Amino acid sequence: MGGKLVVGGEAEVANPWTPAAIQCDSFCQMRARSFYDPLVVVDENLDYQPYLAETIEPNADNTVFTVTIRQGIKFHDGTDLDAAAVMDNLNRGAKGLLISAALVDLARDPACFAAAAGGSVVGCDLVMEQIDDFTFTIATGKAGDLSKPLPWPGFPYYFGGQWGLIASPTWLAEVDADSTKAPNAVGTGPFMFDSYAPGDKLVVKKNPNYWVKDAAGNALPYLDELEFRVIPDSQVRAAALEAGDLDIMATSDAGVLLDLKDNPDFPTLLQNQYGETNYILLHLTKPYLADQSVRCALLQALDKQDIIDVIDGGNGVPANGPFSPGQQGFLEDNGSLPYDPEAAAAAIEAWEAANGPLTVNYSTTTAARSLQVAQYVQDVWGQVGVDVTITQIEQSKLINNALFGDPAFDAFGWRNHAGLFADQQYYWWHSSAALPDGALALNFGRLNDPQIDQFLEEARSGATKEDRDAAAENLNRRFAEGCFIIPTSYTTWGIVHNTSVQGIGQTPTPDGTGNARDGAGFPGQVWLTAAFKSA
C-alpha cells in the first residue's frame, strides 16, 4: 500500500474535465478514469460488464434498456450515486457538442423533437424513465424519433466510453454557475482531484472510500497519489523515463519502442489489437479532395512499407483501411489500391490539366516523428506533381481544426478508430455528423457517402452478428474503393515503465470474475486502479 506514480503522456486535453465537454484522446482517458468510473467496462473476453451499473437489461428487440445502478456509492463530494445522478450525466452528454453525435439514434423528448421540426435535436432530453431510486430505462429512436425505435444490440458498450463516465451532479451544477470550477473534477473514481496545471501536470490523491476491492478484500487503490505529466515529444518523454523523472509512460512512437524493447530496466506492455490506424485525414469538402481521382492518386503515391522502414526502423505493419487487426470488419485484403507512383502522377497531371496547379497543406503535430512523416509525404507527393506545404501545430489545436473544418485543414497526419466494433465508428463517418465547415463535427473529413451510411446502419442494427460482421466488412471495402482516407500503418502502443511498477492491467470487475480490459478497446492507456509500486 502507498506510494506515488508519475505518468507521462503525449498531449493536453481541451475543455477539461466535465465528461460532456472534454475532447478526449488516450492520455485524457487515462487521466479521467482515475477520478471517474464508467457505467460499464469491457472484460478480457470483450464482453461488457456492468461497473457503476449493476445490471443492464435490453428488451426483446434491443430498443429499450433497463439500467440498475449499484447502491451505496458516493461521489468524492459526498453526493449519493443514484439513477437521477446518472440520468443527469447522460442527458448532459447527449446534449454536448461532441458526444451527441455518437447518440443520434437515441430517442429524444417527443415534444422537443416535434418543435425541432427536422432540425437539430441536440438540446432535447433523452427519453429516459426513472423506475425507482436506482433504476431507469432509456429508449432508442431513429435520428431521435421515439416513434421509430431502432434495434441497437451493441448499445451498452457506449456506457463504457466517455459518455459513461459519471460526475457528481452537485459539482456539475456548480460548474453551471461558475465555469472556472470545471477543471476540479468530482467523480466516484479511485482517486480524487488535487491540483491541475494545464499543459503541465494533474495530481490526484487516493480516494479513501473507494467502493471496489481486490480479490483478497483489500480496498483499492493501493497507491496514495498519481501525477500525470504532459510531455508532447515522445523522445523527450522516453528520456524522462530513463532519467527516473517518470515511472510510466505511453507512446505510439515505433522508434522509441524499438529503442526500449530490449532494455530490461523498462518492461513494455504492447497494445497492438483493436487499436488506431495511422492515416492521412482528408478534408473532403475541399474541391480537389472531393475528387476521388485525386484522393486515390495521393494514396498510390505513398509506399507504406517504405515509410515504416525509413521512419520507424521497420517496426510496423502497413494498413489498408480504417480497421486494425482484431476489429470487426478487418480484412487482410479489402481491395485497396497498390503503390503505383506512375499511375498517381498520370492522375495528378490529368487533374491539373483541367483545373490548374494542385497545392495541399499538410498539418502535423510538433512531435519529431510527425514532422519526419510530413516531410516524407511532402517529398513523395511532390514527385507526382503536388505542391505540399507543412504546418506544425499543437495536438489540441490540430483536433480543433478538424472539428470545425478550419480552412487551413487540407490533409492531417492522424491516428484514430480504435475499438471493437464498426458501430463504435458511426459518428466519425456517418453523414448525419458531416456538418458544414465552421460547425463542430466529429465527422472530421465531412465524409458524406450513401454507401458508407448504409453499411454503418447495418452494422448498428443488423439482426444477427453475422449480418453486422458482413456490414463491417463491406464498410471496409467501400473505404478502399473511395480512397476516403489514406491509411499508412497500424498503431502499436507501448506502456513502458520502470521495474518497480506492478499491477498493470489488474483492475478487477465488481463481480470478481476477472479484470477490466485496459482502455476498453482504446489503446494507449492503462487504468491504475490496482497499480502499485514495489520496494
Protein backbone atom coordinates (compact mmCIF):
# COMPACT_ATOMS: atom_id res chain seq x y z
CA MET A 1 0.00 0.00 0.00
CA GLY A 2 1.05 3.60 -0.55
CA GLY A 3 3.45 5.42 -2.84
CA LYS A 4 3.20 7.60 -5.89
CA LEU A 5 3.48 7.06 -9.63
CA VAL A 6 4.49 9.74 -12.12
CA VAL A 7 2.90 9.11 -15.53
CA GLY A 8 3.89 10.73 -18.84
CA GLY A 9 1.58 11.26 -21.81
CA GLU A 10 1.60 13.00 -25.14
CA ALA A 11 -0.98 15.78 -25.08
CA GLU A 12 -3.13 18.10 -23.02
CA VAL A 13 -6.88 17.82 -23.27
CA ALA A 14 -9.25 20.52 -24.46
CA ASN A 15 -12.17 21.56 -22.22
CA PRO A 16 -11.34 19.63 -19.03
CA TRP A 17 -12.90 17.94 -17.07
CA THR A 18 -16.72 17.78 -17.38
CA PRO A 19 -17.48 14.50 -19.20
CA ALA A 20 -19.83 16.14 -21.71
CA ALA A 21 -17.22 18.67 -22.87
CA ILE A 22 -13.76 17.08 -22.78
CA GLN A 23 -12.19 16.29 -26.14
CA CYS A 24 -10.74 13.01 -25.01
CA ASP A 25 -7.76 11.18 -26.52
CA SER A 26 -5.90 8.27 -24.92
CA PHE A 27 -3.99 10.29 -22.32
CA CYS A 28 -7.17 12.16 -21.46
CA GLN A 29 -8.92 8.83 -20.90
CA MET A 30 -6.12 7.56 -18.68
CA ARG A 31 -6.36 10.66 -16.50
CA ALA A 32 -10.15 10.94 -16.49
CA ARG A 33 -10.58 7.34 -15.39
CA SER A 34 -8.51 8.00 -12.30
CA PHE A 35 -11.30 10.19 -10.86
CA TYR A 36 -14.33 8.96 -12.84
CA ASP A 37 -15.82 5.47 -13.03
CA PRO A 38 -17.74 4.28 -16.12
CA LEU A 39 -21.12 2.59 -16.13
CA VAL A 40 -19.61 -0.49 -17.81
CA VAL A 41 -16.19 -1.93 -18.57
CA VAL A 42 -15.06 -4.41 -21.20
CA ASP A 43 -13.65 -7.65 -19.82
CA GLU A 44 -10.88 -9.89 -21.12
CA ASN A 45 -13.40 -11.72 -23.36
CA LEU A 46 -14.51 -8.40 -24.92
CA ASP A 47 -17.93 -8.64 -23.28
CA TYR A 48 -19.27 -5.62 -21.44
CA GLN A 49 -19.55 -5.93 -17.67
CA PRO A 50 -21.59 -3.54 -15.51
CA TYR A 51 -19.41 -1.32 -13.30
CA LEU A 52 -21.26 1.62 -11.75
CA ALA A 53 -24.27 -0.06 -13.28
CA GLU A 54 -25.30 -3.28 -11.57
CA THR A 55 -27.35 -4.66 -14.46
CA ILE A 56 -28.32 -3.61 -18.00
CA GLU A 57 -31.26 -5.48 -19.46
CA PRO A 58 -32.43 -5.00 -23.08
CA ASN A 59 -35.97 -5.70 -24.18
CA ALA A 60 -36.63 -8.37 -26.81
CA ASP A 61 -35.73 -6.20 -29.81
CA ASN A 62 -32.93 -4.14 -28.25
CA THR A 63 -34.82 -0.85 -28.39
CA VAL A 64 -35.30 -0.18 -24.66
CA PHE A 65 -32.65 -0.83 -22.00
CA THR A 66 -33.29 -1.04 -18.26
CA VAL A 67 -30.31 0.12 -16.20
CA THR A 68 -29.94 -0.53 -12.48
CA ILE A 69 -27.25 1.42 -10.58
CA ARG A 70 -25.21 -0.01 -7.71
CA GLN A 71 -26.26 1.18 -4.28
CA GLY A 72 -24.08 2.60 -1.53
CA ILE A 73 -21.59 4.50 -3.72
CA LYS A 74 -20.82 8.16 -3.09
CA PHE A 75 -19.12 10.83 -5.17
CA HIS A 76 -16.00 12.46 -3.76
CA ASP A 77 -18.10 15.39 -2.51
CA GLY A 78 -20.44 13.12 -0.55
CA THR A 79 -23.29 13.19 -3.09
CA ASP A 80 -25.04 9.82 -3.49
CA LEU A 81 -24.77 7.92 -6.75
CA ASP A 82 -28.28 7.06 -7.89
CA ALA A 83 -30.41 6.86 -11.00
CA ALA A 84 -31.09 10.60 -11.02
CA ALA A 85 -27.35 11.39 -10.93
CA VAL A 86 -26.66 9.04 -13.82
CA MET A 87 -29.60 10.33 -15.87
CA ASP A 88 -28.38 13.91 -15.35
CA ASN A 89 -24.95 12.93 -16.69
CA LEU A 90 -26.38 11.05 -19.66
CA ASN A 91 -28.62 13.95 -20.63
CA ARG A 92 -25.72 16.38 -20.41
CA GLY A 93 -23.54 14.18 -22.58
CA ALA A 94 -26.33 13.69 -25.11
CA LYS A 95 -26.58 17.49 -25.43
CA GLY A 96 -22.82 18.01 -25.62
CA LEU A 97 -21.34 19.15 -28.89
CA LEU A 98 -19.07 16.13 -29.10
CA ILE A 99 -20.85 13.17 -27.57
CA SER A 100 -24.24 13.96 -29.10
CA ALA A 101 -23.00 12.81 -32.50
CA ALA A 102 -22.47 9.31 -31.11
CA LEU A 103 -26.01 9.18 -29.76
CA VAL A 104 -28.01 10.29 -32.77
CA ASP A 105 -30.19 7.16 -32.61
CA LEU A 106 -31.30 7.58 -29.00
CA ALA A 107 -34.90 8.80 -28.69
CA ARG A 108 -35.43 12.43 -27.66
CA ASP A 109 -38.32 14.04 -25.80
CA PRO A 110 -41.21 13.88 -28.32
CA ALA A 111 -42.44 17.46 -27.75
CA CYS A 112 -38.94 18.86 -28.15
CA PHE A 113 -38.35 16.61 -31.17
CA ALA A 114 -41.54 17.88 -32.83
CA ALA A 115 -40.62 21.51 -32.12
CA ALA A 116 -37.23 20.96 -33.76
CA ALA A 117 -39.15 20.12 -36.98
CA GLY A 118 -36.32 18.22 -38.61
CA GLY A 119 -33.61 20.47 -37.22
CA SER A 120 -31.07 19.74 -34.53
CA VAL A 121 -32.41 17.82 -31.54
CA VAL A 122 -29.17 18.12 -29.56
CA GLY A 123 -30.90 20.35 -27.00
CA CYS A 124 -33.65 17.79 -26.34
CA ASP A 125 -33.66 15.45 -23.35
CA LEU A 126 -33.25 11.74 -23.90
CA VAL A 127 -36.28 9.53 -23.47
CA MET A 128 -35.49 8.05 -20.06
CA GLU A 129 -37.93 6.95 -17.37
CA GLN A 130 -36.91 6.65 -13.74
CA ILE A 131 -38.43 3.47 -12.26
CA ASP A 132 -37.10 3.85 -8.71
CA ASP A 133 -34.16 5.47 -6.92
CA PHE A 134 -31.65 3.22 -8.67
CA THR A 135 -33.36 2.09 -11.88
CA PHE A 136 -34.25 3.79 -15.15
CA THR A 137 -34.97 2.94 -18.78
CA ILE A 138 -33.53 4.50 -21.91
CA ALA A 139 -35.02 4.15 -25.42
CA THR A 140 -33.72 4.25 -28.97
CA GLY A 141 -35.29 6.18 -31.84
CA LYS A 142 -34.01 6.64 -35.38
CA ALA A 143 -32.41 10.11 -35.56
CA GLY A 144 -34.07 10.89 -32.22
CA ASP A 145 -37.63 9.91 -33.21
CA LEU A 146 -39.28 7.86 -30.45
CA SER A 147 -41.90 6.67 -32.93
CA LYS A 148 -39.16 4.88 -34.87
CA PRO A 149 -37.47 2.56 -32.34
CA LEU A 150 -34.14 1.29 -33.65
CA PRO A 151 -32.63 -2.09 -32.73
CA TRP A 152 -29.18 -1.44 -31.25
CA PRO A 153 -27.66 -4.67 -29.88
CA GLY A 154 -24.27 -3.08 -29.12
CA PHE A 155 -25.63 0.00 -27.39
CA PRO A 156 -24.48 -0.91 -23.83
CA TYR A 157 -20.85 -0.67 -24.95
CA TYR A 158 -21.37 3.10 -25.24
CA PHE A 159 -21.74 3.18 -21.46
CA GLY A 160 -18.07 2.22 -21.30
CA GLY A 161 -16.84 5.24 -23.23
CA GLN A 162 -16.62 8.92 -22.45
CA TRP A 163 -20.42 9.21 -22.26
CA GLY A 164 -20.48 6.63 -19.48
CA LEU A 165 -18.05 8.50 -17.21
CA ILE A 166 -20.20 9.75 -14.34
CA ALA A 167 -19.54 13.01 -12.47
CA SER A 168 -21.15 14.42 -9.36
CA PRO A 169 -24.39 16.24 -10.27
CA THR A 170 -23.72 18.62 -7.37
CA TRP A 171 -20.39 19.62 -8.89
CA LEU A 172 -21.87 19.84 -12.40
CA ALA A 173 -24.46 22.31 -11.10
CA GLU A 174 -21.64 24.32 -9.51
CA VAL A 175 -19.84 24.39 -12.87
CA ASP A 176 -23.06 25.62 -14.49
CA ALA A 177 -22.92 28.60 -12.13
CA ASP A 178 -19.13 29.10 -12.29
CA SER A 179 -17.24 27.66 -15.25
CA THR A 180 -13.88 28.17 -13.52
CA LYS A 181 -14.72 25.10 -11.40
CA ALA A 182 -14.74 22.82 -14.47
CA PRO A 183 -11.12 21.64 -14.03
CA ASN A 184 -11.78 20.50 -10.43
CA ALA A 185 -13.31 17.14 -11.34
CA VAL A 186 -15.55 15.25 -8.90
CA GLY A 187 -16.36 11.62 -9.63
CA THR A 188 -16.65 8.28 -7.82
CA GLY A 189 -13.26 7.02 -9.01
CA PRO A 190 -10.29 5.51 -7.18
CA PHE A 191 -8.51 8.87 -6.95
CA MET A 192 -9.68 12.37 -6.08
CA PHE A 193 -8.75 15.60 -7.84
CA ASP A 194 -5.97 17.54 -6.06
CA SER A 195 -4.43 20.06 -8.49
CA TYR A 196 -4.18 20.81 -12.20
CA ALA A 197 -1.78 22.96 -14.22
CA PRO A 198 -2.92 22.79 -17.90
CA GLY A 199 -0.16 21.75 -20.25
CA ASP A 200 1.97 20.61 -17.32
CA LYS A 201 0.56 18.23 -14.73
CA LEU A 202 -2.50 16.84 -12.99
CA VAL A 203 -2.25 15.45 -9.43
CA VAL A 204 -4.83 13.10 -7.92
CA LYS A 205 -4.87 11.60 -4.41
CA LYS A 206 -6.23 8.30 -3.11
CA ASN A 207 -9.99 8.07 -2.55
CA PRO A 208 -10.09 6.56 0.99
CA ASN A 209 -13.70 5.48 0.49
CA TYR A 210 -13.43 3.76 -2.90
CA TRP A 211 -16.05 1.07 -3.35
CA VAL A 212 -14.05 -1.56 -5.31
CA LYS A 213 -11.95 -4.20 -3.52
CA ASP A 214 -9.35 -6.65 -4.75
CA ALA A 215 -9.78 -10.44 -4.61
CA ALA A 216 -8.40 -10.53 -1.07
CA GLY A 217 -10.88 -7.93 0.14
CA ASN A 218 -8.40 -5.03 0.27
CA ALA A 219 -9.84 -1.65 -0.63
CA LEU A 220 -8.46 -0.12 -3.82
CA PRO A 221 -6.50 1.83 -4.87
CA TYR A 222 -3.16 0.78 -3.40
CA LEU A 223 -1.34 3.99 -4.37
CA ASP A 224 -1.59 7.26 -2.43
CA GLU A 225 -1.05 9.54 -5.42
CA LEU A 226 -0.74 9.82 -9.19
CA GLU A 227 0.96 12.67 -11.00
CA PHE A 228 0.24 12.91 -14.74
CA ARG A 229 2.66 14.99 -16.81
CA VAL A 230 2.14 16.26 -20.35
CA ILE A 231 5.28 15.74 -22.45
CA PRO A 232 4.32 16.07 -26.14
CA ASP A 233 7.55 14.81 -27.72
CA SER A 234 7.87 11.03 -27.40
CA GLN A 235 11.66 11.10 -27.40
CA VAL A 236 11.72 13.66 -24.57
CA ARG A 237 9.18 11.52 -22.71
CA ALA A 238 11.39 8.45 -23.11
CA ALA A 239 14.42 10.37 -21.86
CA ALA A 240 12.44 11.44 -18.79
CA LEU A 241 11.57 7.81 -18.09
CA GLU A 242 15.19 6.70 -18.43
CA ALA A 243 16.32 9.56 -16.17
CA GLY A 244 13.90 8.47 -13.43
CA ASP A 245 11.64 11.52 -13.73
CA LEU A 246 8.74 9.27 -14.84
CA ASP A 247 7.66 5.86 -13.58
CA ILE A 248 5.46 5.01 -16.56
CA MET A 249 4.66 6.42 -19.99
CA ALA A 250 2.54 5.70 -23.02
CA THR A 251 3.88 6.05 -26.55
CA SER A 252 2.96 5.04 -30.09
CA ASP A 253 6.34 6.12 -31.47
CA ALA A 254 7.70 2.99 -33.14
CA GLY A 255 11.27 4.30 -32.97
CA VAL A 256 11.08 4.84 -29.21
CA LEU A 257 9.55 1.39 -28.69
CA LEU A 258 12.31 -0.15 -30.81
CA ASP A 259 14.99 1.59 -28.73
CA LEU A 260 13.49 0.40 -25.43
CA LYS A 261 12.24 -3.07 -26.32
CA ASP A 262 15.32 -4.98 -25.17
CA ASN A 263 16.05 -2.85 -22.10
CA PRO A 264 15.35 -5.00 -19.00
CA ASP A 265 15.05 -1.88 -16.85
CA PHE A 266 11.91 -0.80 -18.70
CA PRO A 267 9.34 -3.54 -19.32
CA THR A 268 6.86 -2.73 -22.07
CA LEU A 269 3.23 -3.74 -22.38
CA LEU A 270 2.46 -3.76 -26.11
CA GLN A 271 -1.09 -2.95 -27.21
CA ASN A 272 -1.42 -3.99 -30.84
CA GLN A 273 -5.00 -5.25 -31.08
CA TYR A 274 -8.19 -3.19 -31.58
CA GLY A 275 -6.03 -0.10 -31.97
CA GLU A 276 -5.93 3.00 -34.07
CA THR A 277 -4.89 3.29 -37.69
CA ASN A 278 -2.29 5.86 -38.67
CA TYR A 279 -3.58 7.64 -41.74
CA ILE A 280 -3.84 10.91 -43.60
CA LEU A 281 -7.19 12.53 -42.89
CA LEU A 282 -8.56 14.47 -45.86
CA HIS A 283 -10.90 17.48 -45.77
CA LEU A 284 -13.41 16.15 -48.25
CA THR A 285 -15.28 19.43 -48.81
CA LYS A 286 -12.22 20.93 -50.50
CA PRO A 287 -12.94 20.68 -54.26
CA TYR A 288 -9.66 18.97 -55.11
CA LEU A 289 -10.05 16.43 -52.27
CA ALA A 290 -13.71 15.83 -53.13
CA ASP A 291 -12.34 14.37 -56.38
CA GLN A 292 -11.82 10.62 -56.00
CA SER A 293 -9.12 10.56 -58.67
CA VAL A 294 -7.01 12.99 -56.64
CA ARG A 295 -7.51 11.09 -53.39
CA CYS A 296 -6.60 7.77 -54.97
CA ALA A 297 -3.55 9.35 -56.64
CA LEU A 298 -2.33 10.67 -53.29
CA LEU A 299 -2.78 7.18 -51.84
CA GLN A 300 -0.95 5.45 -54.69
CA ALA A 301 1.98 7.87 -54.39
CA LEU A 302 2.82 6.56 -50.90
CA ASP A 303 4.91 3.47 -50.32
CA LYS A 304 3.62 2.48 -46.89
CA GLN A 305 6.31 -0.10 -46.19
CA ASP A 306 8.98 2.43 -47.09
CA ILE A 307 7.54 4.91 -44.55
CA ILE A 308 7.78 2.19 -41.90
CA ASP A 309 11.32 1.25 -42.93
CA VAL A 310 12.68 4.79 -43.25
CA ILE A 311 11.00 6.43 -40.25
CA ASP A 312 10.21 3.58 -37.87
CA GLY A 313 13.15 1.27 -38.43
CA GLY A 314 10.92 -1.38 -39.98
CA ASN A 315 8.82 -1.61 -36.83
CA GLY A 316 5.24 -1.60 -38.06
CA VAL A 317 2.63 -3.12 -40.35
CA PRO A 318 1.20 -1.34 -43.43
CA ALA A 319 -2.50 -0.51 -43.15
CA ASN A 320 -5.06 -0.96 -45.92
CA GLY A 321 -8.08 0.61 -44.23
CA PRO A 322 -9.52 2.12 -41.07
CA PHE A 323 -9.96 -1.17 -39.16
CA SER A 324 -6.95 -2.61 -37.36
CA PRO A 325 -6.27 -6.30 -36.63
CA GLY A 326 -8.80 -7.80 -34.25
CA GLN A 327 -11.54 -5.30 -35.03
CA GLN A 328 -14.87 -6.26 -36.55
CA GLY A 329 -14.57 -5.56 -40.28
CA PHE A 330 -10.81 -6.04 -40.56
CA LEU A 331 -9.76 -7.69 -43.84
CA GLU A 332 -6.33 -8.77 -44.98
CA ASP A 333 -7.43 -7.77 -48.50
CA ASN A 334 -10.10 -5.08 -48.81
CA GLY A 335 -9.28 -4.16 -52.41
CA SER A 336 -7.09 -1.17 -51.55
CA LEU A 337 -5.10 0.25 -54.45
CA PRO A 338 -1.42 -0.74 -54.60
CA TYR A 339 1.57 1.60 -54.53
CA ASP A 340 1.89 2.94 -58.10
CA PRO A 341 3.61 6.34 -58.40
CA GLU A 342 3.32 6.31 -62.20
CA ALA A 343 -0.48 5.95 -62.04
CA ALA A 344 -0.54 8.64 -59.35
CA ALA A 345 1.49 11.07 -61.48
CA ALA A 346 -0.73 10.47 -64.50
CA ALA A 347 -3.89 11.15 -62.46
CA ILE A 348 -2.47 14.37 -60.99
CA GLU A 349 -1.32 15.54 -64.42
CA ALA A 350 -4.80 14.95 -65.83
CA TRP A 351 -6.44 16.83 -62.94
CA GLU A 352 -4.07 19.78 -63.23
CA ALA A 353 -4.62 19.97 -66.98
CA ALA A 354 -8.30 20.59 -66.29
CA ASN A 355 -8.07 22.58 -63.05
CA GLY A 356 -4.64 24.16 -62.66
CA PRO A 357 -1.83 23.53 -60.14
CA LEU A 358 -2.65 21.40 -57.09
CA THR A 359 -1.43 22.60 -53.69
CA VAL A 360 -2.15 20.71 -50.45
CA ASN A 361 -1.44 21.93 -46.92
CA TYR A 362 -0.31 19.07 -44.68
CA SER A 363 -0.80 19.70 -40.95
CA THR A 364 1.01 17.77 -38.25
CA THR A 365 1.83 17.92 -34.55
CA THR A 366 5.11 19.26 -33.19
CA ALA A 367 6.50 15.80 -32.36
CA ALA A 368 9.75 14.91 -34.15
CA ARG A 369 8.39 11.73 -35.75
CA SER A 370 5.30 13.54 -37.02
CA LEU A 371 7.49 16.09 -38.78
CA GLN A 372 9.53 13.28 -40.35
CA VAL A 373 6.35 11.74 -41.77
CA ALA A 374 5.20 15.15 -43.04
CA GLN A 375 8.49 15.72 -44.83
CA TYR A 376 8.33 12.25 -46.35
CA VAL A 377 4.80 12.92 -47.63
CA GLN A 378 5.87 16.31 -48.97
CA ASP A 379 8.66 14.65 -50.94
CA VAL A 380 6.71 11.77 -52.48
CA TRP A 381 3.63 13.84 -53.30
CA GLY A 382 5.95 16.42 -54.83
CA GLN A 383 7.37 13.71 -57.08
CA VAL A 384 3.92 13.09 -58.60
CA GLY A 385 3.26 16.79 -59.16
CA VAL A 386 1.60 18.04 -55.95
CA ASP A 387 2.91 21.15 -54.20
CA VAL A 388 2.81 20.43 -50.44
CA THR A 389 3.19 22.92 -47.60
CA ILE A 390 3.71 21.75 -44.00
CA THR A 391 2.11 23.34 -40.93
CA GLN A 392 3.15 22.18 -37.44
CA ILE A 393 0.67 22.85 -34.62
CA GLU A 394 -0.01 21.59 -31.09
CA GLN A 395 -2.22 18.49 -30.93
CA SER A 396 -5.28 20.06 -29.29
CA LYS A 397 -5.24 22.82 -31.95
CA LEU A 398 -4.90 20.17 -34.64
CA ILE A 399 -8.00 18.45 -33.29
CA ASN A 400 -9.92 21.73 -33.14
CA ASN A 401 -9.07 22.49 -36.76
CA ALA A 402 -10.55 19.14 -37.75
CA LEU A 403 -13.59 19.56 -35.50
CA PHE A 404 -14.52 22.88 -37.08
CA GLY A 405 -13.36 22.21 -40.66
CA ASP A 406 -10.88 25.07 -40.47
CA PRO A 407 -9.80 26.42 -43.90
CA ALA A 408 -6.18 25.54 -43.01
CA PHE A 409 -7.19 21.87 -42.83
CA ASP A 410 -6.42 20.06 -46.09
CA ALA A 411 -4.63 16.92 -45.02
CA PHE A 412 -3.70 15.92 -41.48
CA GLY A 413 -1.38 13.31 -40.09
CA TRP A 414 -3.94 11.43 -37.98
CA ARG A 415 -4.46 8.44 -35.72
CA ASN A 416 -7.95 7.20 -34.87
CA HIS A 417 -10.64 4.50 -34.90
CA ALA A 418 -9.60 2.18 -32.12
CA GLY A 419 -12.42 0.00 -30.91
CA LEU A 420 -14.03 -3.41 -31.03
CA PHE A 421 -17.00 -2.96 -33.36
CA ALA A 422 -17.76 -0.98 -36.50
CA ASP A 423 -20.73 0.62 -34.73
CA GLN A 424 -18.28 2.47 -32.48
CA GLN A 425 -17.12 4.41 -35.56
CA TYR A 426 -20.63 5.53 -36.59
CA TYR A 427 -20.26 9.15 -35.55
CA TRP A 428 -16.86 9.54 -37.22
CA TRP A 429 -18.19 8.65 -40.67
CA HIS A 430 -22.00 8.87 -40.93
CA SER A 431 -23.31 11.79 -42.96
CA SER A 432 -25.54 12.84 -40.04
CA ALA A 433 -22.31 14.04 -38.39
CA ALA A 434 -20.92 15.69 -41.55
CA LEU A 435 -21.88 19.23 -40.57
CA PRO A 436 -20.84 22.22 -42.69
CA ASP A 437 -17.36 23.70 -42.31
CA GLY A 438 -17.33 26.03 -39.32
CA ALA A 439 -19.70 23.84 -37.30
CA LEU A 440 -18.27 21.38 -34.79
CA ALA A 441 -18.40 17.87 -36.26
CA LEU A 442 -16.85 14.57 -35.22
CA ASN A 443 -17.05 13.52 -38.85
CA PHE A 444 -13.78 15.40 -39.28
CA GLY A 445 -13.39 14.85 -43.01
CA ARG A 446 -17.08 15.71 -43.64
CA LEU A 447 -17.49 12.30 -45.28
CA ASN A 448 -20.88 12.04 -46.95
CA ASP A 449 -21.37 8.81 -48.84
CA PRO A 450 -24.68 6.90 -49.11
CA GLN A 451 -22.98 3.50 -49.13
CA ILE A 452 -20.94 4.33 -46.05
CA ASP A 453 -24.18 5.38 -44.32
CA GLN A 454 -25.93 2.16 -45.34
CA PHE A 455 -23.17 -0.11 -44.06
CA LEU A 456 -22.88 1.82 -40.79
CA GLU A 457 -26.62 1.50 -40.20
CA GLU A 458 -26.50 -2.23 -40.93
CA ALA A 459 -23.50 -2.65 -38.60
CA ARG A 460 -25.53 -0.94 -35.85
CA SER A 461 -28.89 -2.66 -36.25
CA GLY A 462 -28.28 -5.93 -38.08
CA ALA A 463 -30.42 -8.72 -36.67
CA THR A 464 -27.55 -11.18 -36.21
CA LYS A 465 -23.85 -11.00 -35.50
CA GLU A 466 -23.22 -12.38 -38.99
CA ASP A 467 -25.24 -9.53 -40.52
CA ARG A 468 -23.29 -6.96 -38.54
CA ASP A 469 -19.94 -8.57 -39.40
CA ALA A 470 -20.79 -8.55 -43.12
CA ALA A 471 -21.78 -4.88 -42.97
CA ALA A 472 -18.49 -4.00 -41.28
CA GLU A 473 -16.51 -5.81 -43.98
CA ASN A 474 -18.48 -4.04 -46.72
CA LEU A 475 -17.72 -0.76 -44.97
CA ASN A 476 -14.01 -1.55 -45.11
CA ARG A 477 -14.19 -2.34 -48.83
CA ARG A 478 -16.06 0.91 -49.54
CA PHE A 479 -13.34 2.91 -47.78
CA ALA A 480 -10.76 1.26 -50.01
CA GLU A 481 -12.78 1.90 -53.15
CA GLY A 482 -13.40 5.57 -52.37
CA CYS A 483 -9.92 6.42 -51.03
CA PHE A 484 -11.67 8.50 -48.35
CA ILE A 485 -8.62 8.28 -46.12
CA ILE A 486 -5.01 7.37 -46.82
CA PRO A 487 -4.05 4.64 -44.33
CA THR A 488 -0.34 4.15 -43.67
CA SER A 489 0.19 1.78 -40.72
CA TYR A 490 -1.50 0.23 -37.73
CA THR A 491 -0.68 1.79 -34.39
CA THR A 492 1.16 -0.22 -31.78
CA TRP A 493 1.09 1.41 -28.39
CA GLY A 494 3.60 0.67 -25.69
CA ILE A 495 3.04 1.25 -22.00
CA VAL A 496 6.63 1.47 -20.78
CA HIS A 497 7.54 1.58 -17.11
CA ASN A 498 10.34 1.01 -14.66
CA THR A 499 10.55 -2.33 -12.87
CA SER A 500 9.00 -1.02 -9.66
CA VAL A 501 5.59 -0.53 -11.32
CA GLN A 502 3.31 -3.52 -10.75
CA GLY A 503 -0.38 -4.35 -11.13
CA ILE A 504 -0.88 -3.00 -14.65
CA GLY A 505 -3.99 -4.49 -16.25
CA GLN A 506 -5.33 -5.82 -12.96
CA THR A 507 -8.41 -3.63 -12.39
CA PRO A 508 -11.00 -6.15 -11.14
CA THR A 509 -14.56 -6.30 -12.37
CA PRO A 510 -17.01 -5.72 -9.48
CA ASP A 511 -18.29 -9.32 -9.59
CA GLY A 512 -14.73 -10.60 -9.05
CA THR A 513 -14.78 -12.88 -12.10
CA GLY A 514 -11.93 -11.21 -13.99
CA ASN A 515 -10.27 -7.95 -14.91
CA ALA A 516 -11.41 -4.93 -16.88
CA ARG A 517 -9.58 -4.64 -20.16
CA ASP A 518 -7.41 -1.52 -20.08
CA GLY A 519 -8.77 1.08 -22.47
CA ALA A 520 -11.93 -0.87 -23.36
CA GLY A 521 -10.68 -1.07 -26.93
CA PHE A 522 -9.00 2.33 -26.74
CA PRO A 523 -5.26 1.51 -26.56
CA GLY A 524 -2.63 3.98 -25.41
CA GLN A 525 -3.79 3.92 -21.81
CA VAL A 526 -3.89 1.76 -18.74
CA TRP A 527 -6.08 2.16 -15.70
CA LEU A 528 -4.12 2.47 -12.50
CA THR A 529 -6.81 1.43 -10.01
CA ALA A 530 -4.85 -1.66 -8.94
CA ALA A 531 -1.32 -0.48 -9.77
CA PHE A 532 1.27 -0.41 -7.03
CA LYS A 533 4.96 0.30 -6.59
CA SER A 534 7.25 -2.42 -5.32
CA ALA A 535 10.12 -1.72 -2.95
